[in-house]
Amino acid sequence: MFGVQTTGRGDITSAMMRLFAAVLIFVSVLGAGLWSAAARADSDDVGSAFFTGIEDFPLMPGLSELPDATLIFDSPSGRFLEAYAVGKLADIDLQQFYGASLPQLGWQETGASTYQREGEALEIIIVGPAAADGTRTIRFAISPLVAGQ
């Protein structure tokens, strides 16, 4: 009545609700972004990259493809493919990576560094000894499965 203004409880409650809603939206957006990043990381279990021109064959992290050495030949009996990569790695790392990733792509292990899938045979070979700097060359060869294999 004398020009004194009071703030009602409703104004404070309304402001708190708006602040709570803003924080909730922020946390939801942040959580969705983190969940999306985790989902992308999980989907990369097979490998973060694939060989150029070979859409279904992963390139192990730490290896660099030698694209000029890749040979792909399709024939009536199936495809012949030879690809090379280089990197510093231990034999066990190579075995563990491809032993875990290739079955996810339908390859079945048939022996030490050999696999089969849908009429194809795959062989992974470490070519020669390591270079002086520890770099190794890996050969990946896919060919039609020969009867009796």
Protein backbone atom coordinates (compact mmCIF):
# COMPACT_ATOMS: atom_id res chain seq x y z
CA MET A 1 0.00 0.00 0.00
CA PHE A 2 2.87 2.37 0.62
CA GLY A 3 4.88 1.35 -2.49
CA VAL A 4 6.57 -1.67 -0.89
CA GLN A 5 6.76 -4.63 -3.24
CA THR A 6 7.12 -8.16 -1.93
CA THR A 7 8.30 -11.15 -3.84
CA GLY A 8 5.95 -14.04 -3.50
CA ARG A 9 6.92 -17.59 -3.03
CA GLY A 10 5.50 -18.42 -6.46
CA ASP A 11 8.12 -16.27 -8.22
CA ILE A 12 11.00 -18.07 -6.49
CA THR A 13 9.50 -21.49 -7.19
CA SER A 14 8.99 -20.60 -10.85
CA ALA A 15 12.60 -19.42 -11.21
CA MET A 16 13.89 -22.59 -9.54
CA MET A 17 11.80 -24.73 -11.88
CA ARG A 18 13.17 -22.90 -14.93
CA LEU A 19 16.73 -23.38 -13.64
CA PHE A 20 16.08 -27.06 -12.95
CA ALA A 21 14.63 -27.53 -16.46
CA ALA A 22 17.67 -25.82 -18.04
CA VAL A 23 20.08 -28.03 -16.07
CA LEU A 24 18.08 -31.14 -16.97
CA ILE A 25 18.19 -30.26 -20.69
CA PHE A 26 21.94 -29.59 -20.50
CA VAL A 27 22.63 -32.92 -18.76
CA SER A 28 20.41 -34.76 -21.26
CA VAL A 29 22.24 -33.28 -24.25
CA LEU A 30 25.63 -33.98 -22.68
CA GLY A 31 24.63 -37.56 -21.82
CA ALA A 32 23.32 -38.19 -25.34
CA GLY A 33 26.62 -36.97 -26.79
CA LEU A 34 28.65 -39.22 -24.51
CA TRP A 35 26.38 -42.19 -25.24
CA SER A 36 26.73 -41.57 -28.98
CA ALA A 37 30.54 -41.44 -28.71
CA ALA A 38 30.56 -44.68 -26.71
CA ALA A 39 28.32 -46.36 -29.28
CA ARG A 40 30.67 -45.31 -32.09
CA ALA A 41 33.64 -46.69 -30.14
CA ASP A 42 31.81 -50.00 -29.58
CA SER A 43 30.95 -50.26 -33.27
CA ASP A 44 34.65 -49.98 -34.08
CA ASP A 45 35.48 -53.24 -32.29
CA VAL A 46 36.27 -54.81 -35.63
CA GLY A 47 38.75 -52.19 -36.41
CA SER A 48 38.97 -48.55 -36.98
CA ALA A 49 39.91 -48.82 -40.65
CA PHE A 50 39.69 -51.17 -43.57
CA PHE A 51 42.04 -51.83 -46.45
CA THR A 52 41.45 -49.59 -49.46
CA GLY A 53 39.29 -51.37 -52.00
CA ILE A 54 38.62 -54.27 -49.62
CA GLU A 55 35.50 -53.17 -47.78
CA ASP A 56 35.29 -56.22 -45.54
CA PHE A 57 38.85 -56.61 -44.29
CA PRO A 58 40.08 -54.63 -41.26
CA LEU A 59 43.44 -52.91 -41.04
CA MET A 60 44.90 -53.42 -37.57
CA PRO A 61 45.65 -50.21 -35.66
CA GLY A 62 49.38 -49.57 -35.84
CA LEU A 63 49.66 -50.98 -39.36
CA SER A 64 49.93 -48.82 -42.47
CA GLU A 65 48.59 -50.17 -45.72
CA LEU A 66 50.84 -50.32 -48.78
CA PRO A 67 48.14 -49.48 -51.36
CA ASP A 68 50.50 -49.73 -54.36
CA ALA A 69 51.19 -53.36 -53.46
CA THR A 70 47.51 -54.39 -53.36
CA LEU A 71 46.35 -56.78 -56.06
CA ILE A 72 42.68 -57.67 -56.57
CA PHE A 73 41.58 -60.05 -59.31
CA ASP A 74 38.07 -61.44 -59.77
CA SER A 75 37.68 -64.67 -61.69
CA PRO A 76 34.84 -67.12 -62.31
CA SER A 77 36.24 -69.29 -59.50
CA GLY A 78 36.35 -66.37 -56.99
CA ARG A 79 38.47 -63.41 -56.03
CA PHE A 80 42.21 -63.36 -55.60
CA LEU A 81 43.48 -60.65 -53.34
CA GLU A 82 46.89 -59.79 -52.00
CA ALA A 83 47.46 -56.82 -49.71
CA TYR A 84 50.42 -55.68 -47.64
CA ALA A 85 50.79 -53.54 -44.54
CA VAL A 86 53.76 -52.48 -42.44
CA GLY A 87 54.15 -51.57 -38.80
CA LYS A 88 55.93 -52.22 -35.55
CA LEU A 89 54.09 -54.99 -33.77
CA ALA A 90 54.54 -58.27 -31.99
CA ASP A 91 53.32 -61.55 -33.48
CA ILE A 92 50.95 -62.02 -30.56
CA ASP A 93 49.31 -58.60 -31.17
CA LEU A 94 48.66 -59.53 -34.79
CA GLN A 95 47.20 -62.91 -33.79
CA GLN A 96 45.02 -61.39 -31.07
CA PHE A 97 43.64 -58.59 -33.24
CA TYR A 98 42.75 -60.73 -36.24
CA GLY A 99 41.72 -63.66 -34.03
CA ALA A 100 39.16 -61.38 -32.38
CA SER A 101 38.04 -59.25 -35.34
CA LEU A 102 37.81 -61.71 -38.24
CA PRO A 103 35.18 -64.00 -36.65
CA GLN A 104 32.93 -60.91 -36.34
CA LEU A 105 33.12 -60.69 -40.14
CA GLY A 106 32.31 -64.36 -40.70
CA TRP A 107 35.85 -65.76 -40.94
CA GLN A 108 36.49 -69.06 -39.16
CA GLU A 109 40.00 -69.85 -37.97
CA THR A 110 41.29 -73.06 -39.56
CA GLY A 111 44.90 -72.99 -38.39
CA ALA A 112 47.73 -70.72 -37.39
CA SER A 113 47.02 -67.48 -39.29
CA THR A 114 44.59 -69.15 -41.72
CA TYR A 115 40.85 -68.58 -42.01
CA GLN A 116 37.91 -69.59 -44.23
CA ARG A 117 34.68 -67.84 -45.15
CA GLU A 118 32.05 -68.41 -47.82
CA GLY A 119 34.28 -70.32 -50.24
CA GLU A 120 37.39 -68.23 -49.59
CA ALA A 121 40.65 -68.95 -47.82
CA LEU A 122 42.66 -66.27 -46.02
CA GLU A 123 46.29 -66.46 -45.03
CA ILE A 124 48.12 -63.86 -42.94
CA ILE A 125 51.90 -64.05 -43.18
CA ILE A 126 54.67 -62.00 -41.59
CA VAL A 127 57.13 -61.52 -44.45
CA GLY A 128 60.77 -61.97 -43.47
CA PRO A 129 62.48 -60.64 -40.36
CA ALA A 130 61.82 -57.20 -38.89
CA ALA A 131 63.68 -54.24 -40.35
CA ALA A 132 66.39 -52.56 -38.27
CA ASP A 133 63.80 -50.14 -36.83
CA GLY A 134 61.49 -53.01 -35.84
CA THR A 135 59.05 -52.52 -38.72
CA ARG A 136 57.50 -55.70 -40.10
CA THR A 137 55.71 -56.40 -43.36
CA ILE A 138 52.46 -58.39 -43.25
CA ARG A 139 50.98 -60.14 -46.29
CA PHE A 140 47.23 -60.83 -46.47
CA ALA A 141 46.16 -63.23 -49.20
CA ILE A 142 42.57 -64.23 -50.03
CA SER A 143 41.88 -66.85 -52.67
CA PRO A 144 39.05 -69.18 -53.64
CA LEU A 145 38.81 -72.18 -51.36
CA VAL A 146 40.25 -75.26 -53.06
CA ALA A 147 38.16 -78.43 -52.79
CA GLY A 148 39.42 -80.53 -49.89
CA GLN A 149 40.63 -77.57 -47.80
